[in-house]
């Protein structure tokens, strides 16, 4: 014996999934019922989060929560600086994100 006593119960034919017809009408388990969806499907209908106007992308604008820090620090981190310009929607990083993850699904 390998010390696994749980295997005994499974070998003996125990099963945690029992059909409701096997348990009778006084069983504690009830048959599951499918309910109608709560509302209309909204997936893919709004602005993507990483779009320049989305929930995350808008934070990188110079008025946004992340972009405004670069503007306050200034220098290379400003929106027109050596680093900051890459995070604009037409920059290397921002442009790539905008083209791949920021566009609406078709």
C-alpha atoms as a PDB file:
ATOM      1  CA  UNK A   1       0.000   0.000   0.000  1.00  0.00           C
ATOM      2  CA  UNK A   2       1.284   3.424  -0.882  1.00  0.00           C
ATOM      3  CA  UNK A   3      -0.343   5.223   2.048  1.00  0.00           C
ATOM      4  CA  UNK A   4      -3.148   6.790  -0.009  1.00  0.00           C
ATOM      5  CA  UNK A   5      -6.323   5.726   1.731  1.00  0.00           C
ATOM      6  CA  UNK A   6      -8.538   7.828  -0.589  1.00  0.00           C
ATOM      7  CA  UNK A   7      -7.949   5.388  -3.419  1.00  0.00           C
ATOM      8  CA  UNK A   8      -9.838   2.686  -1.511  1.00  0.00           C
ATOM      9  CA  UNK A   9     -13.122   4.556  -1.740  1.00  0.00           C
ATOM     10  CA  UNK A  10     -12.732   5.154  -5.462  1.00  0.00           C
ATOM     11  CA  UNK A  11     -11.755   1.559  -6.095  1.00  0.00           C
ATOM     12  CA  UNK A  12     -14.875   0.423  -4.277  1.00  0.00           C
ATOM     13  CA  UNK A  13     -17.032   2.367  -6.733  1.00  0.00           C
ATOM     14  CA  UNK A  14     -17.766   5.552  -4.772  1.00  0.00           C
ATOM     15  CA  UNK A  15     -18.563   8.548  -6.897  1.00  0.00           C
ATOM     16  CA  UNK A  16     -19.331  12.099  -5.852  1.00  0.00           C
ATOM     17  CA  UNK A  17     -21.510  12.655  -8.905  1.00  0.00           C
ATOM     18  CA  UNK A  18     -24.799  10.863  -8.556  1.00  0.00           C
ATOM     19  CA  UNK A  19     -27.680  11.395 -10.907  1.00  0.00           C
ATOM     20  CA  UNK A  20     -30.779  12.824  -9.228  1.00  0.00           C
ATOM     21  CA  UNK A  21     -32.852   9.867 -10.435  1.00  0.00           C
ATOM     22  CA  UNK A  22     -30.691   7.515  -8.354  1.00  0.00           C
ATOM     23  CA  UNK A  23     -31.288   9.479  -5.152  1.00  0.00           C
ATOM     24  CA  UNK A  24     -35.077   9.611  -5.255  1.00  0.00           C
ATOM     25  CA  UNK A  25     -37.410  12.548  -4.811  1.00  0.00           C
ATOM     26  CA  UNK A  26     -36.444  13.219  -1.195  1.00  0.00           C
ATOM     27  CA  UNK A  27     -32.809  13.866  -2.047  1.00  0.00           C
ATOM     28  CA  UNK A  28     -31.046  16.957  -0.782  1.00  0.00           C
ATOM     29  CA  UNK A  29     -29.710  17.819  -4.232  1.00  0.00           C
ATOM     30  CA  UNK A  30     -31.864  19.548  -6.790  1.00  0.00           C
ATOM     31  CA  UNK A  31     -31.521  19.556 -10.512  1.00  0.00           C
ATOM     32  CA  UNK A  32     -29.803  22.685 -11.836  1.00  0.00           C
ATOM     33  CA  UNK A  33     -31.812  25.084 -13.947  1.00  0.00           C
ATOM     34  CA  UNK A  34     -30.434  27.310 -16.685  1.00  0.00           C
ATOM     35  CA  UNK A  35     -31.432  30.934 -16.286  1.00  0.00           C
ATOM     36  CA  UNK A  36     -31.681  33.559 -18.980  1.00  0.00           C
ATOM     37  CA  UNK A  37     -28.715  35.965 -19.233  1.00  0.00           C
ATOM     38  CA  UNK A  38     -28.960  39.044 -17.028  1.00  0.00           C
ATOM     39  CA  UNK A  39     -28.467  41.505 -19.883  1.00  0.00           C
ATOM     40  CA  UNK A  40     -27.238  42.080 -23.397  1.00  0.00           C
ATOM     41  CA  UNK A  41     -23.742  41.005 -24.397  1.00  0.00           C
ATOM     42  CA  UNK A  42     -21.389  43.965 -24.211  1.00  0.00           C
ATOM     43  CA  UNK A  43     -18.055  42.288 -24.916  1.00  0.00           C
ATOM     44  CA  UNK A  44     -16.242  44.074 -27.713  1.00  0.00           C
ATOM     45  CA  UNK A  45     -18.666  46.984 -27.955  1.00  0.00           C
ATOM     46  CA  UNK A  46     -16.740  49.693 -26.070  1.00  0.00           C
ATOM     47  CA  UNK A  47     -13.354  51.337 -26.401  1.00  0.00           C
ATOM     48  CA  UNK A  48     -10.535  48.865 -25.671  1.00  0.00           C
ATOM     49  CA  UNK A  49      -8.731  49.532 -22.370  1.00  0.00           C
ATOM     50  CA  UNK A  50      -5.332  50.003 -24.055  1.00  0.00           C
ATOM     51  CA  UNK A  51      -6.671  52.367 -26.735  1.00  0.00           C
ATOM     52  CA  UNK A  52      -5.352  55.935 -26.448  1.00  0.00           C
ATOM     53  CA  UNK A  53      -8.825  56.928 -25.202  1.00  0.00           C
ATOM     54  CA  UNK A  54      -9.414  53.762 -23.131  1.00  0.00           C
ATOM     55  CA  UNK A  55      -9.267  53.301 -19.368  1.00  0.00           C
ATOM     56  CA  UNK A  56      -5.548  52.435 -19.315  1.00  0.00           C
ATOM     57  CA  UNK A  57      -4.328  54.199 -22.455  1.00  0.00           C
ATOM     58  CA  UNK A  58      -5.740  57.568 -21.410  1.00  0.00           C
ATOM     59  CA  UNK A  59      -3.518  57.494 -18.313  1.00  0.00           C
ATOM     60  CA  UNK A  60      -0.463  57.821 -20.560  1.00  0.00           C
ATOM     61  CA  UNK A  61      -1.646  61.107 -22.100  1.00  0.00           C
ATOM     62  CA  UNK A  62       0.155  64.154 -20.747  1.00  0.00           C
ATOM     63  CA  UNK A  63      -3.013  65.056 -18.793  1.00  0.00           C
ATOM     64  CA  UNK A  64      -3.385  61.477 -17.477  1.00  0.00           C
ATOM     65  CA  UNK A  65      -2.245  59.992 -14.175  1.00  0.00           C
ATOM     66  CA  UNK A  66       0.984  58.505 -15.566  1.00  0.00           C
ATOM     67  CA  UNK A  67       1.748  61.014 -18.315  1.00  0.00           C
ATOM     68  CA  UNK A  68       1.344  63.994 -15.998  1.00  0.00           C
ATOM     69  CA  UNK A  69       4.192  62.688 -13.825  1.00  0.00           C
ATOM     70  CA  UNK A  70       6.494  62.732 -16.844  1.00  0.00           C
ATOM     71  CA  UNK A  71       5.372  66.284 -17.621  1.00  0.00           C
ATOM     72  CA  UNK A  72       6.124  67.419 -14.045  1.00  0.00           C
ATOM     73  CA  UNK A  73       9.560  65.779 -14.061  1.00  0.00           C
ATOM     74  CA  UNK A  74      10.222  67.172 -17.520  1.00  0.00           C
ATOM     75  CA  UNK A  75      13.350  66.630 -19.552  1.00  0.00           C
ATOM     76  CA  UNK A  76      13.524  63.236 -21.229  1.00  0.00           C
ATOM     77  CA  UNK A  77      10.301  62.039 -19.522  1.00  0.00           C
ATOM     78  CA  UNK A  78       8.131  64.874 -20.895  1.00  0.00           C
ATOM     79  CA  UNK A  79       5.776  64.002 -23.758  1.00  0.00           C
ATOM     80  CA  UNK A  80       8.209  65.566 -26.244  1.00  0.00           C
ATOM     81  CA  UNK A  81      11.374  64.265 -24.516  1.00  0.00           C
ATOM     82  CA  UNK A  82      13.641  61.440 -25.662  1.00  0.00           C
ATOM     83  CA  UNK A  83      11.791  58.823 -23.580  1.00  0.00           C
ATOM     84  CA  UNK A  84       8.319  60.324 -23.276  1.00  0.00           C
ATOM     85  CA  UNK A  85       7.801  60.764 -27.028  1.00  0.00           C
ATOM     86  CA  UNK A  86       7.911  56.964 -27.445  1.00  0.00           C
ATOM     87  CA  UNK A  87       4.794  56.585 -25.274  1.00  0.00           C
ATOM     88  CA  UNK A  88       2.600  58.901 -27.381  1.00  0.00           C
ATOM     89  CA  UNK A  89      -0.032  57.222 -29.609  1.00  0.00           C
ATOM     90  CA  UNK A  90       2.253  57.766 -32.610  1.00  0.00           C
ATOM     91  CA  UNK A  91       5.516  56.887 -30.799  1.00  0.00           C
ATOM     92  CA  UNK A  92       7.403  53.588 -30.902  1.00  0.00           C
ATOM     93  CA  UNK A  93       5.825  52.026 -27.796  1.00  0.00           C
ATOM     94  CA  UNK A  94       2.495  53.825 -27.798  1.00  0.00           C
ATOM     95  CA  UNK A  95       2.038  53.409 -31.542  1.00  0.00           C
ATOM     96  CA  UNK A  96       2.677  49.679 -31.410  1.00  0.00           C
ATOM     97  CA  UNK A  97       0.217  49.239 -28.549  1.00  0.00           C
ATOM     98  CA  UNK A  98      -2.346  51.413 -30.331  1.00  0.00           C
ATOM     99  CA  UNK A  99      -2.066  49.362 -33.551  1.00  0.00           C
ATOM    100  CA  UNK A 100      -2.104  45.913 -31.950  1.00  0.00           C
ATOM    101  CA  UNK A 101      -4.087  46.120 -28.714  1.00  0.00           C
ATOM    102  CA  UNK A 102      -5.830  49.468 -28.936  1.00  0.00           C
ATOM    103  CA  UNK A 103      -8.026  48.966 -31.966  1.00  0.00           C
ATOM    104  CA  UNK A 104     -11.597  47.733 -31.739  1.00  0.00           C
ATOM    105  CA  UNK A 105     -12.220  44.082 -32.466  1.00  0.00           C
ATOM    106  CA  UNK A 106     -13.712  43.378 -35.842  1.00  0.00           C
END
